[in-house]
Protein backbone atom coordinates (compact mmCIF):
# COMPACT_ATOMS: atom_id res chain seq x y z
CA MET A 1 17.64 40.05 -3.24
CA SER A 2 19.71 38.48 -0.48
CA LYS A 3 23.01 36.82 -1.29
CA LYS A 4 21.55 33.40 -0.37
CA ALA A 5 18.47 33.91 -2.56
CA ASP A 6 20.64 35.13 -5.45
CA THR A 7 22.83 32.04 -5.18
CA ARG A 8 19.75 29.78 -5.16
CA ALA A 9 18.33 31.54 -8.22
CA LYS A 10 21.58 31.15 -10.15
CA ARG A 11 21.80 27.49 -9.20
CA ASN A 12 18.24 26.83 -10.34
CA ALA A 13 18.82 28.74 -13.55
CA ALA A 14 21.84 26.57 -14.29
CA ARG A 15 19.81 23.42 -13.66
CA GLY A 16 16.76 24.56 -15.56
CA GLN A 17 13.49 26.12 -14.49
CA ASP A 18 12.35 23.05 -12.56
CA GLY A 19 15.63 22.76 -10.68
CA ASP A 20 16.78 19.54 -12.34
CA SER A 21 19.42 18.77 -14.89
CA ALA A 22 18.41 16.97 -18.08
CA ALA A 23 20.45 13.97 -17.04
CA ALA A 24 18.68 13.76 -13.69
CA LYS A 25 15.30 14.00 -15.41
CA LEU A 26 16.17 11.22 -17.81
CA GLY A 27 17.49 8.96 -15.09
CA ARG A 28 14.36 9.35 -12.99
CA ARG A 29 12.06 8.90 -15.97
CA GLU A 30 13.82 5.66 -16.73
CA PHE A 31 13.31 4.61 -13.11
CA LEU A 32 9.72 5.78 -12.69
CA GLY A 33 8.56 5.01 -16.21
CA THR A 34 7.33 7.40 -18.87
CA GLY A 35 3.81 8.58 -19.41
CA MET A 36 3.10 9.05 -15.68
CA ALA A 37 -0.42 10.42 -15.30
CA PHE A 38 -1.78 12.31 -12.33
CA GLY A 39 -4.06 10.13 -10.26
CA VAL A 40 -7.49 11.01 -8.93
CA GLY A 41 -7.24 13.88 -6.47
CA ALA A 42 -3.95 15.23 -7.80
CA GLY A 43 -5.48 18.60 -8.57
CA GLY A 44 -6.67 19.00 -5.00
CA LEU A 45 -3.25 18.01 -3.75
CA LEU A 46 -1.53 20.61 -5.91
CA ALA A 47 -3.99 23.27 -4.87
CA SER A 48 -3.34 22.53 -1.20
CA LEU A 49 0.37 23.11 -1.86
CA GLY A 50 -0.30 26.56 -3.32
CA LEU A 51 0.07 25.37 -6.92
CA SER A 52 -3.41 26.21 -8.14
CA HIS A 53 -2.17 27.33 -11.56
CA TYR A 54 -0.62 23.92 -12.11
CA ALA A 55 -3.66 22.14 -10.68
CA ASN A 56 -5.91 23.98 -13.16
CA ALA A 57 -3.67 22.96 -16.03
CA GLN A 58 -3.86 19.34 -14.91
CA ASN A 59 -7.62 19.47 -14.41
CA ALA A 60 -8.05 20.76 -17.96
CA ALA A 61 -7.20 17.32 -19.25
CA PRO A 62 -9.54 14.68 -17.81
CA ALA A 63 -7.73 11.94 -15.93
CA PRO A 64 -8.54 8.36 -16.82
CA ALA A 65 -11.34 7.01 -14.66
CA ALA A 66 -10.38 4.54 -11.97
CA SER A 67 -12.16 1.24 -12.15
CA ALA A 68 -12.48 -1.85 -10.05
CA PRO A 69 -10.16 -4.68 -11.07
CA ALA A 70 -11.56 -7.22 -13.44
CA ALA A 71 -12.05 -10.67 -11.98
CA PRO A 72 -8.89 -12.60 -12.82
CA GLY A 73 -9.26 -15.88 -14.66
CA PRO A 74 -7.52 -19.11 -13.69
CA GLY A 75 -3.80 -18.68 -13.85
CA ALA A 76 -4.00 -14.93 -14.24
CA GLY A 77 -0.85 -13.18 -13.11
CA PRO A 78 -0.36 -9.70 -11.70
CA ARG A 79 -1.24 -6.80 -13.99
CA ARG A 80 1.81 -5.26 -15.60
CA PRO A 81 1.35 -1.55 -16.30
CA ALA A 82 2.64 -0.44 -19.69
CA GLY A 83 4.85 2.58 -19.20
CA GLY A 84 4.78 2.96 -15.40
CA PHE A 85 5.56 0.88 -12.37
CA ARG A 86 2.07 0.81 -10.85
CA ALA A 87 -1.18 -0.50 -12.29
CA PRO A 88 -4.24 1.79 -12.48
CA GLU A 89 -5.83 2.27 -9.08
CA PRO A 90 -8.95 0.16 -8.50
CA LYS A 91 -11.95 1.80 -6.86
CA PHE A 92 -12.51 -0.84 -4.24
CA SER A 93 -10.52 -3.06 -1.93
CA GLN A 94 -9.57 -6.47 -3.31
CA PRO A 95 -12.39 -9.02 -2.75
CA PRO A 96 -11.46 -11.85 -0.35
CA PRO A 97 -9.96 -14.65 -2.45
CA LEU A 98 -10.57 -17.24 0.30
CA LYS A 99 -14.04 -16.34 1.54
CA ASP A 100 -14.90 -20.01 2.04
CA LEU A 101 -12.18 -22.02 3.78
CA LYS A 102 -13.85 -25.44 3.87
CA GLY A 103 -11.92 -27.99 1.88
CA LYS A 104 -9.05 -25.60 1.18
CA VAL A 105 -5.45 -26.41 2.13
CA ALA A 106 -3.34 -24.34 4.53
CA TYR A 107 0.37 -24.52 5.27
CA VAL A 108 1.53 -23.01 8.58
CA SER A 109 5.25 -22.84 9.28
CA ALA A 110 6.50 -23.47 12.83
CA ALA A 111 3.11 -24.92 13.71
CA SER A 112 4.03 -27.58 16.25
CA ASP A 113 3.73 -25.10 19.12
CA GLY A 114 2.78 -21.56 20.07
CA ILE A 115 0.91 -19.18 17.76
CA GLY A 116 1.55 -21.40 14.75
CA LEU A 117 -0.22 -24.33 16.37
CA GLY A 118 -3.08 -22.03 17.37
CA ILE A 119 -3.46 -20.93 13.74
CA ALA A 120 -3.27 -24.52 12.50
CA ARG A 121 -5.95 -25.62 14.98
CA ALA A 122 -8.21 -22.72 13.99
CA ALA A 123 -7.75 -23.57 10.31
CA SER A 124 -8.64 -27.20 10.98
CA LEU A 125 -11.75 -26.23 12.95
CA ALA A 126 -12.75 -24.01 10.00
CA GLY A 127 -12.76 -27.08 7.75
CA MET A 128 -9.33 -26.71 6.17
CA LYS A 129 -6.81 -29.43 5.49
CA VAL A 130 -3.74 -28.38 7.44
CA VAL A 131 -0.06 -28.88 6.73
CA ILE A 132 2.07 -28.42 9.85
CA GLY A 133 5.60 -27.24 9.33
CA TYR A 134 7.79 -28.49 12.17
CA ARG A 135 11.41 -29.03 13.19
CA ASN A 136 11.09 -30.65 16.63
CA PRO A 137 9.54 -34.17 16.58
CA GLN A 138 8.77 -34.05 20.32
CA ARG A 139 6.78 -30.83 19.97
CA LEU A 140 4.95 -32.30 16.98
CA ALA A 141 4.02 -35.41 18.96
CA ALA A 142 2.51 -33.20 21.65
CA ALA A 143 0.66 -31.04 19.09
CA LEU A 144 -1.13 -33.75 17.11
CA PRO A 145 -3.51 -34.89 19.91
CA LEU A 146 -5.02 -31.37 19.97
CA PHE A 147 -6.62 -32.00 16.58
CA PRO A 148 -9.92 -33.93 16.76
CA SER A 149 -9.92 -37.40 15.23
CA ASP A 150 -12.47 -36.35 12.60
CA ASN A 151 -10.38 -33.41 11.35
CA PRO A 152 -10.37 -32.73 7.59
CA GLY A 153 -6.70 -33.70 7.39
CA VAL A 154 -3.40 -32.95 9.11
CA LEU A 155 -0.10 -33.45 7.32
CA PRO A 156 3.18 -32.82 9.20
CA VAL A 157 6.12 -31.73 7.04
CA LEU A 158 9.66 -31.38 8.36
CA HIS A 159 10.72 -27.95 7.12
CA ASP A 160 13.44 -25.41 7.78
CA VAL A 161 12.07 -22.12 6.40
CA THR A 162 15.59 -20.79 5.71
CA ASP A 163 16.14 -23.63 3.20
CA ARG A 164 14.97 -22.41 -0.19
CA ASP A 165 14.98 -25.90 -1.70
CA GLY A 166 12.96 -26.98 1.33
CA TRP A 167 10.09 -24.71 0.27
CA GLN A 168 9.79 -26.51 -3.07
CA LYS A 169 10.00 -29.89 -1.32
CA MET A 170 7.22 -28.79 1.04
CA LEU A 171 4.99 -27.71 -1.85
CA ASP A 172 5.68 -30.96 -3.70
CA GLN A 173 4.58 -32.96 -0.65
CA VAL A 174 1.42 -30.88 -0.29
CA VAL A 175 0.51 -31.27 -3.95
CA GLN A 176 1.17 -35.00 -3.82
CA HIS A 177 -1.00 -35.40 -0.71
CA TYR A 178 -3.77 -32.81 -1.18
CA GLY A 179 -3.44 -31.64 -4.79
CA LYS A 180 -3.37 -27.89 -4.15
CA LEU A 181 -2.26 -25.25 -1.66
CA HIS A 182 -4.41 -22.18 -0.93
CA LEU A 183 -3.14 -20.52 2.25
CA VAL A 184 0.45 -19.95 3.37
CA VAL A 185 1.03 -18.65 6.89
CA ASN A 186 4.62 -17.53 7.40
CA ASN A 187 4.59 -17.96 11.15
CA ALA A 188 8.18 -19.02 11.84
CA GLY A 189 10.13 -16.38 13.72
CA ILE A 190 13.19 -15.93 15.85
CA LYS A 191 12.97 -13.57 18.81
CA THR A 192 16.51 -12.28 19.02
CA LEU A 193 16.30 -9.85 21.93
CA THR A 194 19.60 -8.18 21.14
CA GLU A 195 20.20 -4.48 20.67
CA ALA A 196 21.04 -3.57 17.08
CA SER A 197 24.12 -1.71 18.26
CA LYS A 198 25.51 -4.76 20.04
CA ALA A 199 24.47 -7.65 17.80
CA THR A 200 26.89 -10.00 16.09
CA TYR A 201 26.87 -10.76 12.37
CA ALA A 202 25.56 -14.24 13.15
CA GLU A 203 22.62 -12.85 15.14
CA TRP A 204 21.70 -10.51 12.29
CA ASP A 205 22.03 -13.24 9.67
CA ASP A 206 19.88 -15.72 11.61
CA ALA A 207 17.13 -13.21 12.31
CA VAL A 208 16.99 -11.88 8.76
CA ALA A 209 16.92 -15.41 7.35
CA VAL A 210 13.97 -16.51 9.50
CA ASN A 211 11.99 -13.30 9.99
CA PHE A 212 12.31 -11.86 6.49
CA THR A 213 14.01 -13.96 3.82
CA ALA A 214 11.75 -16.94 4.50
CA ILE A 215 8.71 -14.84 3.59
CA TYR A 216 9.79 -14.12 0.06
CA ASN A 217 11.09 -17.66 -0.28
CA SER A 218 7.50 -18.79 0.28
CA VAL A 219 6.14 -16.30 -2.24
CA HIS A 220 8.67 -17.26 -4.90
CA VAL A 221 7.73 -20.92 -4.63
CA CYS A 222 4.02 -20.88 -3.79
CA LEU A 223 2.65 -17.89 -5.72
CA PRO A 224 3.02 -19.46 -9.21
CA HIS A 225 1.24 -22.58 -7.93
CA MET A 226 -1.68 -20.53 -6.54
CA LEU A 227 -2.00 -18.51 -9.74
CA LYS A 228 -1.96 -21.68 -11.81
CA HIS A 229 -4.76 -23.51 -9.97
CA GLY A 230 -6.89 -20.34 -10.05
CA GLU A 231 -8.99 -21.16 -6.96
CA GLY A 232 -7.72 -18.22 -4.95
CA GLY A 233 -4.83 -18.01 -2.54
CA HIS A 234 -3.60 -16.04 0.43
CA PHE A 235 -0.34 -15.22 2.22
CA VAL A 236 -0.26 -14.22 5.88
CA THR A 237 2.89 -13.34 7.79
CA THR A 238 3.04 -13.37 11.57
CA ALA A 239 5.01 -10.26 12.41
CA SER A 240 4.49 -8.63 15.81
CA MET A 241 3.29 -5.41 17.36
CA GLY A 242 7.02 -4.72 17.26
CA GLY A 243 6.59 -4.36 13.50
CA LEU A 244 4.31 -1.36 14.05
CA LEU A 245 5.38 -0.07 17.46
CA PRO A 246 9.08 -0.59 18.26
CA GLY A 247 8.74 -0.28 22.01
CA VAL A 248 11.06 -3.10 23.05
CA ASN A 249 14.83 -2.58 23.26
CA ALA A 250 15.63 -5.31 20.72
CA GLY A 251 16.85 -3.76 17.49
CA ILE A 252 17.24 -6.93 15.45
CA TYR A 253 13.75 -8.15 16.26
CA THR A 254 12.19 -4.73 15.66
CA SER A 255 13.88 -4.08 12.33
CA THR A 256 13.14 -7.52 10.86
CA LYS A 257 9.52 -7.33 11.94
CA ILE A 258 9.12 -3.86 10.42
CA ALA A 259 10.61 -5.30 7.23
CA ALA A 260 8.09 -8.15 7.30
CA VAL A 261 5.21 -5.67 7.58
CA GLY A 262 6.60 -3.67 4.65
CA LEU A 263 6.94 -6.74 2.48
CA MET A 264 3.30 -7.71 3.01
CA GLU A 265 2.20 -4.17 2.16
CA ALA A 266 4.29 -4.27 -1.02
CA LEU A 267 2.73 -7.60 -1.97
CA ARG A 268 -0.75 -6.13 -1.50
CA VAL A 269 0.15 -3.40 -4.01
CA GLU A 270 1.53 -5.93 -6.49
CA LEU A 271 -1.14 -8.64 -6.14
CA GLU A 272 -4.24 -6.49 -5.60
CA SER A 273 -5.48 -7.15 -9.14
CA THR A 274 -5.15 -10.94 -8.79
CA ASN A 275 -7.05 -13.49 -6.72
CA ILE A 276 -4.19 -13.77 -4.22
CA GLY A 277 -4.75 -12.00 -0.91
CA THR A 278 -2.15 -10.79 1.57
CA GLY A 279 -2.17 -9.85 5.23
CA VAL A 280 0.18 -9.31 8.14
CA PHE A 281 -0.64 -10.48 11.67
CA CYS A 282 0.74 -8.19 14.39
CA PRO A 283 -0.17 -9.70 17.77
CA GLY A 284 0.71 -8.65 21.30
CA GLY A 285 1.23 -11.22 24.03
CA VAL A 286 0.05 -14.75 23.17
CA ASN A 287 0.38 -17.81 25.39
CA THR A 288 2.56 -20.41 23.68
CA ASN A 289 1.03 -23.39 25.55
CA ASN A 290 -1.84 -24.73 23.45
CA TYR A 291 -2.83 -27.11 26.25
CA ALA A 292 -3.84 -24.20 28.49
CA GLY A 293 -7.54 -24.43 29.25
CA THR A 294 -7.91 -27.99 27.92
CA GLY A 295 -7.66 -29.60 31.36
CA LYS A 296 -4.73 -31.70 30.13
CA ASP A 297 -0.99 -31.40 30.70
CA ASN A 298 1.25 -30.59 27.78
CA PRO A 299 3.40 -33.75 27.40
CA TYR A 300 6.27 -31.81 25.80
CA LEU A 301 6.41 -29.30 28.66
CA GLU A 302 5.97 -32.02 31.27
CA LYS A 303 8.97 -33.85 29.88
CA ARG A 304 11.06 -30.67 29.87
CA MET A 305 10.05 -29.81 33.43
CA ALA A 306 10.75 -33.26 34.83
CA ASN A 307 14.22 -32.32 36.02
CA MET A 308 13.49 -28.71 36.94
CA PRO A 309 13.39 -27.44 40.52
CA ALA A 310 9.89 -27.11 41.98
CA ARG A 311 10.01 -23.30 41.78
CA MET A 312 10.71 -23.44 38.04
CA ARG A 313 7.90 -25.92 37.48
CA GLN A 314 5.51 -23.57 39.25
CA PHE A 315 6.70 -20.74 37.02
CA PHE A 316 5.84 -22.68 33.86
CA LYS A 317 2.51 -23.86 35.26
CA ARG A 318 1.30 -20.43 36.37
CA PRO A 319 -1.85 -19.11 34.67
CA SER A 320 -1.07 -16.87 31.72
CA SER A 321 -2.71 -13.49 31.17
CA SER A 322 -1.72 -13.55 27.50
CA MET A 323 -4.16 -14.31 24.69
CA ASP A 324 -5.03 -17.97 24.14
CA PRO A 325 -3.23 -19.28 21.02
CA LEU A 326 -6.43 -20.71 19.56
CA GLU A 327 -8.10 -17.31 19.87
CA ALA A 328 -5.11 -15.75 18.10
CA GLY A 329 -5.52 -18.33 15.36
CA GLU A 330 -9.23 -17.62 15.02
CA ARG A 331 -8.47 -13.92 14.62
CA VAL A 332 -5.99 -14.73 11.85
CA LEU A 333 -8.56 -16.83 9.99
CA ASN A 334 -11.13 -14.07 10.41
CA GLY A 335 -8.62 -11.74 8.77
CA VAL A 336 -8.12 -14.19 5.91
CA VAL A 337 -11.81 -14.58 5.05
CA HIS A 338 -12.19 -10.78 5.08
CA ASN A 339 -8.85 -10.21 3.32
CA ASP A 340 -7.66 -7.76 5.97
CA LEU A 341 -4.31 -6.19 5.17
CA PHE A 342 -3.52 -5.59 8.85
CA ILE A 343 -4.68 -8.29 11.27
CA LEU A 344 -4.43 -6.74 14.73
CA SER A 345 -5.61 -8.67 17.76
CA HIS A 346 -4.65 -6.55 20.80
CA PRO A 347 -6.51 -3.21 20.96
CA GLU A 348 -4.51 -2.05 23.99
CA PHE A 349 -1.66 -1.10 21.63
CA LYS A 350 -3.73 1.49 19.75
CA PRO A 351 -2.62 4.56 21.78
CA GLY A 352 1.04 3.69 21.30
CA MET A 353 0.62 3.20 17.56
CA GLN A 354 -1.21 6.53 17.37
CA GLU A 355 1.74 8.24 19.05
CA ARG A 356 4.16 6.80 16.51
CA PHE A 357 2.06 7.84 13.52
CA ASP A 358 1.45 11.28 15.05
CA ALA A 359 5.20 11.71 15.51
CA ILE A 360 5.72 10.96 11.82
CA MET A 361 3.08 13.49 10.77
CA ALA A 362 4.45 16.10 13.20
CA SER A 363 7.86 15.67 11.60
CA THR A 364 6.61 16.70 8.15
CA PRO A 365 8.11 20.12 7.43
CA ALA A 366 6.04 23.16 6.63
CA VAL A 367 6.12 24.60 3.11
CA GLU A 368 8.88 27.20 3.47
CA THR A 369 9.68 27.81 -0.20
CA PRO A 370 7.51 27.31 -3.30
CA ILE A 371 7.43 23.66 -4.33
CA PRO A 372 8.36 23.31 -8.02
CA PRO A 373 5.35 21.94 -9.93
CA ALA A 374 7.62 19.65 -11.93
CA ARG A 375 8.90 18.10 -8.72
CA VAL A 376 5.35 17.35 -7.62
CA ALA A 377 4.61 15.91 -11.05
CA TYR A 378 7.66 13.68 -10.83
CA GLU A 379 6.83 12.53 -7.30
CA GLN A 380 3.12 11.99 -7.96
CA GLY A 381 3.55 8.28 -8.55
CA VAL A 382 4.87 7.71 -5.03
CA MET A 383 3.01 10.42 -3.10
CA HIS A 384 -0.04 8.22 -2.63
CA CYS A 385 -0.66 4.51 -2.13
CA GLY A 386 -4.23 3.45 -2.74
CA ILE A 387 -4.14 0.34 -0.58
CA TYR A 388 -4.53 2.51 2.52
CA PRO A 389 -7.73 4.45 1.68
CA ARG A 390 -9.19 1.23 0.29
CA GLU A 391 -8.34 -0.59 3.53
CA ILE A 392 -9.93 2.22 5.54
CA ALA A 393 -13.11 1.95 3.46
CA HIS A 394 -13.01 -1.84 3.82
CA ARG A 395 -12.80 -1.52 7.61
CA LYS A 396 -15.92 0.63 7.76
CA HIS A 397 -18.01 -2.47 7.10
CA LYS A 398 -18.67 -3.68 10.64
CA ARG A 399 -18.54 -7.38 11.41
CA LYS A 400 -20.22 -9.16 14.28
CA SER A 401 -17.05 -10.82 15.49
CA TYR A 402 -13.33 -10.95 14.78
CA LEU A 403 -13.20 -14.62 15.81
CA THR A 404 -15.57 -16.36 13.41
CA VAL A 405 -15.12 -17.48 9.83
């Protein structure tokens, strides 16, 4: 036996056969929860790691059968597993809580312009009553004429998404005006194109407050209301392709958008057994001018351009090759009615995303030394996340269009 191997053996013997001290085991059990059972497919996983003897021992005791989640009743909250931190895995993807949008109420933050206005317009055209979160009265004044006079309802609400009390005030206004809220679109964002290595504290604080903290502010306030009325609800966050493919040299923007994607994935895990859906919208380039293609001039932009040099006015009036904001909004609503976890609108980013995911897989080390069975048993609860295979299965059902609701 080599000196290195002998040292490793003595160290493992001192820790115990599984390579862990009793204190470490206890601490992790307290964190992970006791009574952790191997999920479906654990035996195959162990066998693939060269632990067939342990896989056979696990297969000797039948694992509890996975089942689809029971339909939650009005006011039902998230399932709370007794003894672990994750509920039993359902067989199927969560049914769409908002399959029919007509008559439902949507709140879209930062909806007086850009993608937010496109989403609000699409929601209105789908028969929803729309609440527009805004901060700039001039932008709002230019946005309102884009809604037809016979719309189901448009309610502007002055709202700063970084104000936690403001979220409750927004919900109170919605309930007073429409009675209930069904869809929350966290669209507000700040595009701080600063490198992470050069950013100031203030730049970090502002970006985190808008791009991340505001999302869980909305959940904290609006989720109990949705669970209470029991008619189904949905949260969508507008992230960016930067949340999946950090290709731009803007560390603050990239990191906060990746965080936003992760939060929506975590909410899918937590809320999958309820009638509250979740999704994250990761678009590429979208034109911010909702008047493009209408044959009318945007009064807000016209006012801003009044004192600009002719060359600058031409720059703002040039045709855009980016996606129309209404089309982006229609794709978001299509994702809502199908309860898509990832709402992606720009297929040209697929090769780049594939490279990133391939790089992660290529970085996984080979099995160089035997993996302790007890370590695999301990890690089993976090070695698999069922929302992904269920989303893959959900995506196999082809739809005629990604624009219709």
